Amino acid sequence: QNACVVDKGKREMNELQKHFGHLGESFIGKK
């Protein structure tokens, strides 16, 4: 009832894409 889901920031997404982009968008996730 209280858990909060947030968008990943642009910088965080860029870092994830850099290291794990080859695993696909579903692996990285946007939230």
PDB file of all heavy atoms in Angstrom:
ATOM      1  N   GLN A   1       0.809  -1.215   0.000  1.00  0.00           N
ATOM      2  CA  GLN A   1       0.000   0.000   0.000  1.00  0.00           C
ATOM      3  C   GLN A   1       0.847   1.272   0.000  1.00  0.00           C
ATOM      4  O   GLN A   1       0.358   2.345  -0.343  1.00  0.00           O
ATOM      5  CB  GLN A   1      -0.922   0.011   1.224  1.00  0.00           C
ATOM      6  CG  GLN A   1      -2.069  -0.990   1.146  1.00  0.00           C
ATOM      7  CD  GLN A   1      -2.920  -0.984   2.410  1.00  0.00           C
ATOM      8  OE1 GLN A   1      -2.696  -0.200   3.333  1.00  0.00           O
ATOM      9  NE2 GLN A   1      -3.904  -1.870   2.458  1.00  0.00           N
ATOM     10  N   ASN A   2       2.125   1.148   0.373  1.00  0.00           N
ATOM     11  CA  ASN A   2       2.957   2.330   0.549  1.00  0.00           C
ATOM     12  C   ASN A   2       4.220   2.368  -0.309  1.00  0.00           C
ATOM     13  O   ASN A   2       4.853   3.424  -0.418  1.00  0.00           O
ATOM     14  CB  ASN A   2       3.371   2.456   2.020  1.00  0.00           C
ATOM     15  CG  ASN A   2       2.202   2.766   2.921  1.00  0.00           C
ATOM     16  OD1 ASN A   2       1.768   3.908   3.021  1.00  0.00           O
ATOM     17  ND2 ASN A   2       1.660   1.745   3.572  1.00  0.00           N
ATOM     18  N   ALA A   3       4.592   1.253  -0.904  1.00  0.00           N
ATOM     19  CA  ALA A   3       5.834   1.193  -1.679  1.00  0.00           C
ATOM     20  C   ALA A   3       5.809   2.211  -2.817  1.00  0.00           C
ATOM     21  O   ALA A   3       4.774   2.443  -3.438  1.00  0.00           O
ATOM     22  CB  ALA A   3       6.037  -0.211  -2.239  1.00  0.00           C
ATOM     23  N   CYS A   4       6.952   2.810  -3.064  1.00  0.00           N
ATOM     24  CA  CYS A   4       7.046   3.872  -4.058  1.00  0.00           C
ATOM     25  C   CYS A   4       7.956   3.447  -5.214  1.00  0.00           C
ATOM     26  O   CYS A   4       9.102   3.052  -4.995  1.00  0.00           O
ATOM     27  CB  CYS A   4       7.591   5.134  -3.392  1.00  0.00           C
ATOM     28  SG  CYS A   4       7.645   6.572  -4.487  1.00  0.00           S
ATOM     29  N   VAL A   5       7.437   3.512  -6.436  1.00  0.00           N
ATOM     30  CA  VAL A   5       8.181   3.200  -7.647  1.00  0.00           C
ATOM     31  C   VAL A   5       8.514   4.506  -8.353  1.00  0.00           C
ATOM     32  O   VAL A   5       7.661   5.379  -8.496  1.00  0.00           O
ATOM     33  CB  VAL A   5       7.361   2.277  -8.579  1.00  0.00           C
ATOM     34  CG1 VAL A   5       8.099   2.025  -9.888  1.00  0.00           C
ATOM     35  CG2 VAL A   5       7.040   0.966  -7.876  1.00  0.00           C
ATOM     36  N   VAL A   6       9.764   4.647  -8.782  1.00  0.00           N
ATOM     37  CA  VAL A   6      10.213   5.898  -9.396  1.00  0.00           C
ATOM     38  C   VAL A   6      10.872   5.625 -10.740  1.00  0.00           C
ATOM     39  O   VAL A   6      11.327   4.516 -11.027  1.00  0.00           O
ATOM     40  CB  VAL A   6      11.201   6.655  -8.476  1.00  0.00           C
ATOM     41  CG1 VAL A   6      10.552   6.992  -7.147  1.00  0.00           C
ATOM     42  CG2 VAL A   6      12.463   5.837  -8.267  1.00  0.00           C
ATOM     43  N   ASP A   7      10.928   6.662 -11.570  1.00  0.00           N
ATOM     44  CA  ASP A   7      11.697   6.599 -12.813  1.00  0.00           C
ATOM     45  C   ASP A   7      13.185   6.622 -12.500  1.00  0.00           C
ATOM     46  O   ASP A   7      13.627   7.354 -11.606  1.00  0.00           O
ATOM     47  CB  ASP A   7      11.383   7.813 -13.696  1.00  0.00           C
ATOM     48  CG  ASP A   7      10.080   7.672 -14.444  1.00  0.00           C
ATOM     49  OD1 ASP A   7       9.709   6.542 -14.794  1.00  0.00           O
ATOM     50  OD2 ASP A   7       9.417   8.713 -14.664  1.00  0.00           O
ATOM     51  N   LYS A   8      13.956   5.850 -13.215  1.00  0.00           N
ATOM     52  CA  LYS A   8      15.406   5.967 -13.132  1.00  0.00           C
ATOM     53  C   LYS A   8      15.832   7.250 -13.824  1.00  0.00           C
ATOM     54  O   LYS A   8      15.304   7.613 -14.870  1.00  0.00           O
ATOM     55  CB  LYS A   8      16.080   4.767 -13.793  1.00  0.00           C
ATOM     56  CG  LYS A   8      15.853   3.460 -13.046  1.00  0.00           C
ATOM     57  CD  LYS A   8      16.497   2.280 -13.768  1.00  0.00           C
ATOM     58  CE  LYS A   8      16.278   0.996 -12.995  1.00  0.00           C
ATOM     59  NZ  LYS A   8      16.823  -0.193 -13.708  1.00  0.00           N
ATOM     60  N   GLY A   9      16.791   7.941 -13.229  1.00  0.00           N
ATOM     61  CA  GLY A   9      17.275   9.189 -13.804  1.00  0.00           C
ATOM     62  C   GLY A   9      18.075   8.963 -15.076  1.00  0.00           C
ATOM     63  O   GLY A   9      18.524   7.849 -15.370  1.00  0.00           O
ATOM     64  N   LYS A  10      18.281  10.037 -15.821  1.00  0.00           N
ATOM     65  CA  LYS A  10      18.995   9.949 -17.099  1.00  0.00           C
ATOM     66  C   LYS A  10      20.415   9.447 -16.908  1.00  0.00           C
ATOM     67  O   LYS A  10      20.887   8.584 -17.663  1.00  0.00           O
ATOM     68  CB  LYS A  10      19.008  11.323 -17.772  1.00  0.00           C
ATOM     69  CG  LYS A  10      19.657  11.323 -19.143  1.00  0.00           C
ATOM     70  CD  LYS A  10      19.574  12.695 -19.797  1.00  0.00           C
ATOM     71  CE  LYS A  10      20.228  12.677 -21.175  1.00  0.00           C
ATOM     72  NZ  LYS A  10      20.151  14.023 -21.828  1.00  0.00           N
ATOM     73  N   ARG A  11      21.099   9.962 -15.896  1.00  0.00           N
ATOM     74  CA  ARG A  11      22.481   9.537 -15.656  1.00  0.00           C
ATOM     75  C   ARG A  11      22.539   8.063 -15.279  1.00  0.00           C
ATOM     76  O   ARG A  11      23.421   7.319 -15.741  1.00  0.00           O
ATOM     77  CB  ARG A  11      23.109  10.384 -14.553  1.00  0.00           C
ATOM     78  CG  ARG A  11      24.575  10.071 -14.299  1.00  0.00           C
ATOM     79  CD  ARG A  11      25.207  11.091 -13.373  1.00  0.00           C
ATOM     80  NE  ARG A  11      24.499  11.181 -12.100  1.00  0.00           N
ATOM     81  CZ  ARG A  11      24.811  12.059 -11.151  1.00  0.00           C
ATOM     82  NH1 ARG A  11      25.755  12.957 -11.353  1.00  0.00           N
ATOM     83  NH2 ARG A  11      24.145  12.068 -10.012  1.00  0.00           N
ATOM     84  N   GLU A  12      21.594   7.642 -14.444  1.00  0.00           N
ATOM     85  CA  GLU A  12      21.541   6.238 -14.048  1.00  0.00           C
ATOM     86  C   GLU A  12      21.280   5.336 -15.249  1.00  0.00           C
ATOM     87  O   GLU A  12      21.911   4.289 -15.416  1.00  0.00           O
ATOM     88  CB  GLU A  12      20.445   6.034 -12.995  1.00  0.00           C
ATOM     89  CG  GLU A  12      20.337   4.616 -12.468  1.00  0.00           C
ATOM     90  CD  GLU A  12      19.265   4.470 -11.406  1.00  0.00           C
ATOM     91  OE1 GLU A  12      18.547   5.467 -11.139  1.00  0.00           O
ATOM     92  OE2 GLU A  12      19.136   3.371 -10.843  1.00  0.00           O
ATOM     93  N   MET A  13      20.361   5.746 -16.117  1.00  0.00           N
ATOM     94  CA  MET A  13      20.048   4.962 -17.315  1.00  0.00           C
ATOM     95  C   MET A  13      21.258   4.879 -18.243  1.00  0.00           C
ATOM     96  O   MET A  13      21.534   3.823 -18.839  1.00  0.00           O
ATOM     97  CB  MET A  13      18.857   5.571 -18.051  1.00  0.00           C
ATOM     98  CG  MET A  13      17.519   5.355 -17.366  1.00  0.00           C
ATOM     99  SD  MET A  13      17.053   3.606 -17.261  1.00  0.00           S
ATOM    100  CE  MET A  13      16.909   3.181 -19.009  1.00  0.00           C
ATOM    101  N   ASN A  14      21.989   5.978 -18.375  1.00  0.00           N
ATOM    102  CA  ASN A  14      23.171   5.972 -19.242  1.00  0.00           C
ATOM    103  C   ASN A  14      24.221   4.993 -18.734  1.00  0.00           C
ATOM    104  O   ASN A  14      24.860   4.276 -19.519  1.00  0.00           O
ATOM    105  CB  ASN A  14      23.769   7.377 -19.338  1.00  0.00           C
ATOM    106  CG  ASN A  14      22.913   8.322 -20.164  1.00  0.00           C
ATOM    107  OD1 ASN A  14      22.080   7.880 -20.963  1.00  0.00           O
ATOM    108  ND2 ASN A  14      23.093   9.621 -19.974  1.00  0.00           N
ATOM    109  N   GLU A  15      24.412   4.957 -17.418  1.00  0.00           N
ATOM    110  CA  GLU A  15      25.371   4.029 -16.838  1.00  0.00           C
ATOM    111  C   GLU A  15      24.936   2.586 -17.048  1.00  0.00           C
ATOM    112  O   GLU A  15      25.755   1.706 -17.363  1.00  0.00           O
ATOM    113  CB  GLU A  15      25.538   4.314 -15.344  1.00  0.00           C
ATOM    114  CG  GLU A  15      26.378   5.532 -15.029  1.00  0.00           C
ATOM    115  CD  GLU A  15      27.823   5.357 -15.481  1.00  0.00           C
ATOM    116  OE1 GLU A  15      28.421   4.312 -15.172  1.00  0.00           O
ATOM    117  OE2 GLU A  15      28.340   6.264 -16.169  1.00  0.00           O
ATOM    118  N   LEU A  16      23.659   2.320 -16.873  1.00  0.00           N
ATOM    119  CA  LEU A  16      23.151   0.964 -17.068  1.00  0.00           C
ATOM    120  C   LEU A  16      23.269   0.536 -18.525  1.00  0.00           C
ATOM    121  O   LEU A  16      23.624  -0.611 -18.824  1.00  0.00           O
ATOM    122  CB  LEU A  16      21.694   0.886 -16.597  1.00  0.00           C
ATOM    123  CG  LEU A  16      21.480   0.998 -15.089  1.00  0.00           C
ATOM    124  CD1 LEU A  16      19.993   1.124 -14.771  1.00  0.00           C
ATOM    125  CD2 LEU A  16      22.071  -0.211 -14.365  1.00  0.00           C
ATOM    126  N   GLN A  17      22.971   1.458 -19.431  1.00  0.00           N
ATOM    127  CA  GLN A  17      23.108   1.156 -20.855  1.00  0.00           C
ATOM    128  C   GLN A  17      24.561   0.856 -21.207  1.00  0.00           C
ATOM    129  O   GLN A  17      24.852  -0.049 -22.004  1.00  0.00           O
ATOM    130  CB  GLN A  17      22.597   2.330 -21.692  1.00  0.00           C
ATOM    131  CG  GLN A  17      21.093   2.511 -21.723  1.00  0.00           C
ATOM    132  CD  GLN A  17      20.396   1.464 -22.577  1.00  0.00           C
ATOM    133  OE1 GLN A  17      21.041   0.672 -23.266  1.00  0.00           O
ATOM    134  NE2 GLN A  17      19.077   1.463 -22.544  1.00  0.00           N
ATOM    135  N   LYS A  18      25.471   1.594 -20.598  1.00  0.00           N
ATOM    136  CA  LYS A  18      26.900   1.419 -20.867  1.00  0.00           C
ATOM    137  C   LYS A  18      27.376   0.033 -20.464  1.00  0.00           C
ATOM    138  O   LYS A  18      28.141  -0.620 -21.190  1.00  0.00           O
ATOM    139  CB  LYS A  18      27.689   2.493 -20.130  1.00  0.00           C
ATOM    140  CG  LYS A  18      29.197   2.374 -20.272  1.00  0.00           C
ATOM    141  CD  LYS A  18      29.889   3.474 -19.478  1.00  0.00           C
ATOM    142  CE  LYS A  18      31.407   3.338 -19.545  1.00  0.00           C
ATOM    143  NZ  LYS A  18      32.076   4.419 -18.754  1.00  0.00           N
ATOM    144  N   HIS A  19      26.923  -0.433 -19.301  1.00  0.00           N
ATOM    145  CA  HIS A  19      27.428  -1.695 -18.766  1.00  0.00           C
ATOM    146  C   HIS A  19      26.563  -2.907 -19.118  1.00  0.00           C
ATOM    147  O   HIS A  19      27.084  -4.026 -19.211  1.00  0.00           O
ATOM    148  CB  HIS A  19      27.557  -1.597 -17.246  1.00  0.00           C
ATOM    149  CG  HIS A  19      28.559  -0.592 -16.789  1.00  0.00           C
ATOM    150  ND1 HIS A  19      29.925  -0.777 -16.909  1.00  0.00           N
ATOM    151  CD2 HIS A  19      28.407   0.637 -16.223  1.00  0.00           C
ATOM    152  CE1 HIS A  19      30.569   0.270 -16.422  1.00  0.00           C
ATOM    153  NE2 HIS A  19      29.666   1.148 -15.997  1.00  0.00           N
ATOM    154  N   PHE A  20      25.257  -2.689 -19.292  1.00  0.00           N
ATOM    155  CA  PHE A  20      24.369  -3.833 -19.480  1.00  0.00           C
ATOM    156  C   PHE A  20      23.477  -3.723 -20.711  1.00  0.00           C
ATOM    157  O   PHE A  20      22.553  -4.508 -20.890  1.00  0.00           O
ATOM    158  CB  PHE A  20      23.476  -4.005 -18.233  1.00  0.00           C
ATOM    159  CG  PHE A  20      24.243  -4.124 -16.955  1.00  0.00           C
ATOM    160  CD1 PHE A  20      24.260  -3.085 -16.040  1.00  0.00           C
ATOM    161  CD2 PHE A  20      24.969  -5.275 -16.667  1.00  0.00           C
ATOM    162  CE1 PHE A  20      24.972  -3.188 -14.848  1.00  0.00           C
ATOM    163  CE2 PHE A  20      25.686  -5.391 -15.481  1.00  0.00           C
ATOM    164  CZ  PHE A  20      25.685  -4.348 -14.574  1.00  0.00           C
ATOM    165  N   GLY A  21      23.757  -2.739 -21.566  1.00  0.00           N
ATOM    166  CA  GLY A  21      22.917  -2.533 -22.747  1.00  0.00           C
ATOM    167  C   GLY A  21      22.823  -3.750 -23.638  1.00  0.00           C
ATOM    168  O   GLY A  21      21.800  -3.992 -24.279  1.00  0.00           O
ATOM    169  N   HIS A  22      23.882  -4.555 -23.664  1.00  0.00           N
ATOM    170  CA  HIS A  22      23.890  -5.738 -24.523  1.00  0.00           C
ATOM    171  C   HIS A  22      22.896  -6.798 -24.067  1.00  0.00           C
ATOM    172  O   HIS A  22      22.582  -7.724 -24.815  1.00  0.00           O
ATOM    173  CB  HIS A  22      25.299  -6.347 -24.553  1.00  0.00           C
ATOM    174  CG  HIS A  22      25.777  -6.832 -23.211  1.00  0.00           C
ATOM    175  ND1 HIS A  22      26.189  -5.970 -22.219  1.00  0.00           N
ATOM    176  CD2 HIS A  22      25.892  -8.088 -22.698  1.00  0.00           C
ATOM    177  CE1 HIS A  22      26.553  -6.670 -21.156  1.00  0.00           C
ATOM    178  NE2 HIS A  22      26.375  -7.960 -21.423  1.00  0.00           N
ATOM    179  N   LEU A  23      22.393  -6.660 -22.836  1.00  0.00           N
ATOM    180  CA  LEU A  23      21.428  -7.630 -22.317  1.00  0.00           C
ATOM    181  C   LEU A  23      19.987  -7.262 -22.646  1.00  0.00           C
ATOM    182  O   LEU A  23      19.077  -8.043 -22.380  1.00  0.00           O
ATOM    183  CB  LEU A  23      21.587  -7.762 -20.794  1.00  0.00           C
ATOM    184  CG  LEU A  23      22.942  -8.289 -20.314  1.00  0.00           C
ATOM    185  CD1 LEU A  23      23.004  -8.284 -18.797  1.00  0.00           C
ATOM    186  CD2 LEU A  23      23.192  -9.691 -20.852  1.00  0.00           C
ATOM    187  N   GLY A  24      19.790  -6.090 -23.228  1.00  0.00           N
ATOM    188  CA  GLY A  24      18.457  -5.700 -23.666  1.00  0.00           C
ATOM    189  C   GLY A  24      17.747  -4.761 -22.708  1.00  0.00           C
ATOM    190  O   GLY A  24      18.075  -4.681 -21.517  1.00  0.00           O
ATOM    191  N   GLU A  25      16.760  -4.063 -23.233  1.00  0.00           N
ATOM    192  CA  GLU A  25      16.030  -3.051 -22.460  1.00  0.00           C
ATOM    193  C   GLU A  25      15.250  -3.661 -21.306  1.00  0.00           C
ATOM    194  O   GLU A  25      15.129  -3.056 -20.241  1.00  0.00           O
ATOM    195  CB  GLU A  25      15.078  -2.293 -23.387  1.00  0.00           C
ATOM    196  CG  GLU A  25      14.346  -1.144 -22.720  1.00  0.00           C
ATOM    197  CD  GLU A  25      13.509  -0.338 -23.701  1.00  0.00           C
ATOM    198  OE1 GLU A  25      13.961  -0.166 -24.859  1.00  0.00           O
ATOM    199  OE2 GLU A  25      12.412   0.097 -23.312  1.00  0.00           O
ATOM    200  N   SER A  26      14.723  -4.868 -21.514  1.00  0.00           N
ATOM    201  CA  SER A  26      13.920  -5.488 -20.466  1.00  0.00           C
ATOM    202  C   SER A  26      14.759  -5.808 -19.238  1.00  0.00           C
ATOM    203  O   SER A  26      14.260  -5.818 -18.108  1.00  0.00           O
ATOM    204  CB  SER A  26      13.253  -6.764 -20.993  1.00  0.00           C
ATOM    205  OG  SER A  26      14.227  -7.714 -21.420  1.00  0.00           O
ATOM    206  N   PHE A  27      16.064  -6.067 -19.431  1.00  0.00           N
ATOM    207  CA  PHE A  27      16.954  -6.363 -18.304  1.00  0.00           C
ATOM    208  C   PHE A  27      17.220  -5.099 -17.496  1.00  0.00           C
ATOM    209  O   PHE A  27      17.257  -5.129 -16.264  1.00  0.00           O
ATOM    210  CB  PHE A  27      18.272  -6.954 -18.806  1.00  0.00           C
ATOM    211  CG  PHE A  27      19.268  -7.232 -17.714  1.00  0.00           C
ATOM    212  CD1 PHE A  27      19.209  -8.417 -17.000  1.00  0.00           C
ATOM    213  CD2 PHE A  27      20.257  -6.308 -17.379  1.00  0.00           C
ATOM    214  CE1 PHE A  27      20.116  -8.678 -15.981  1.00  0.00           C
ATOM    215  CE2 PHE A  27      21.161  -6.564 -16.363  1.00  0.00           C
ATOM    216  CZ  PHE A  27      21.088  -7.753 -15.669  1.00  0.00           C
ATOM    217  N   ILE A  28      17.413  -3.994 -18.177  1.00  0.00           N
ATOM    218  CA  ILE A  28      17.740  -2.736 -17.505  1.00  0.00           C
ATOM    219  C   ILE A  28      16.529  -2.145 -16.800  1.00  0.00           C
ATOM    220  O   ILE A  28      16.575  -1.792 -15.633  1.00  0.00           O
ATOM    221  CB  ILE A  28      18.326  -1.729 -18.517  1.00  0.00           C
ATOM    222  CG1 ILE A  28      19.644  -2.268 -19.085  1.00  0.00           C
ATOM    223  CG2 ILE A  28      18.525  -0.361 -17.876  1.00  0.00           C
ATOM    224  CD1 ILE A  28      20.224  -1.417 -20.190  1.00  0.00           C
ATOM    225  N   GLY A  29      15.416  -2.060 -17.511  1.00  0.00           N
ATOM    226  CA  GLY A  29      14.220  -1.479 -16.934  1.00  0.00           C
ATOM    227  C   GLY A  29      14.307   0.027 -16.778  1.00  0.00           C
ATOM    228  O   GLY A  29      15.404   0.588 -16.704  1.00  0.00           O
ATOM    229  N   LYS A  30      13.178   0.684 -16.726  1.00  0.00           N
ATOM    230  CA  LYS A  30      13.147   2.139 -16.608  1.00  0.00           C
ATOM    231  C   LYS A  30      12.691   2.603 -15.229  1.00  0.00           C
ATOM    232  O   LYS A  30      12.687   3.794 -14.946  1.00  0.00           O
ATOM    233  CB  LYS A  30      12.225   2.725 -17.672  1.00  0.00           C
ATOM    234  CG  LYS A  30      12.709   2.488 -19.111  1.00  0.00           C
ATOM    235  CD  LYS A  30      11.774   3.119 -20.113  1.00  0.00           C
ATOM    236  CE  LYS A  30      12.276   2.902 -21.534  1.00  0.00           C
ATOM    237  NZ  LYS A  30      11.371   3.513 -22.550  1.00  0.00           N
ATOM    238  N   LYS A  31      12.300   1.668 -14.361  1.00  0.00           N
ATOM    239  CA  LYS A  31      11.797   2.023 -13.039  1.00  0.00           C
ATOM    240  C   LYS A  31      12.582   1.281 -11.970  1.00  0.00           C
ATOM    241  O   LYS A  31      13.237   0.282 -12.227  1.00  0.00           O
ATOM    242  CB  LYS A  31      10.314   1.662 -12.920  1.00  0.00           C
ATOM    243  CG  LYS A  31       9.430   2.273 -13.992  1.00  0.00           C
ATOM    244  CD  LYS A  31       8.015   1.730 -13.872  1.00  0.00           C
ATOM    245  CE  LYS A  31       7.124   2.215 -15.014  1.00  0.00           C
ATOM    246  NZ  LYS A  31       5.766   1.644 -14.942  1.00  0.00           N
TER     247      LYS A  31
END
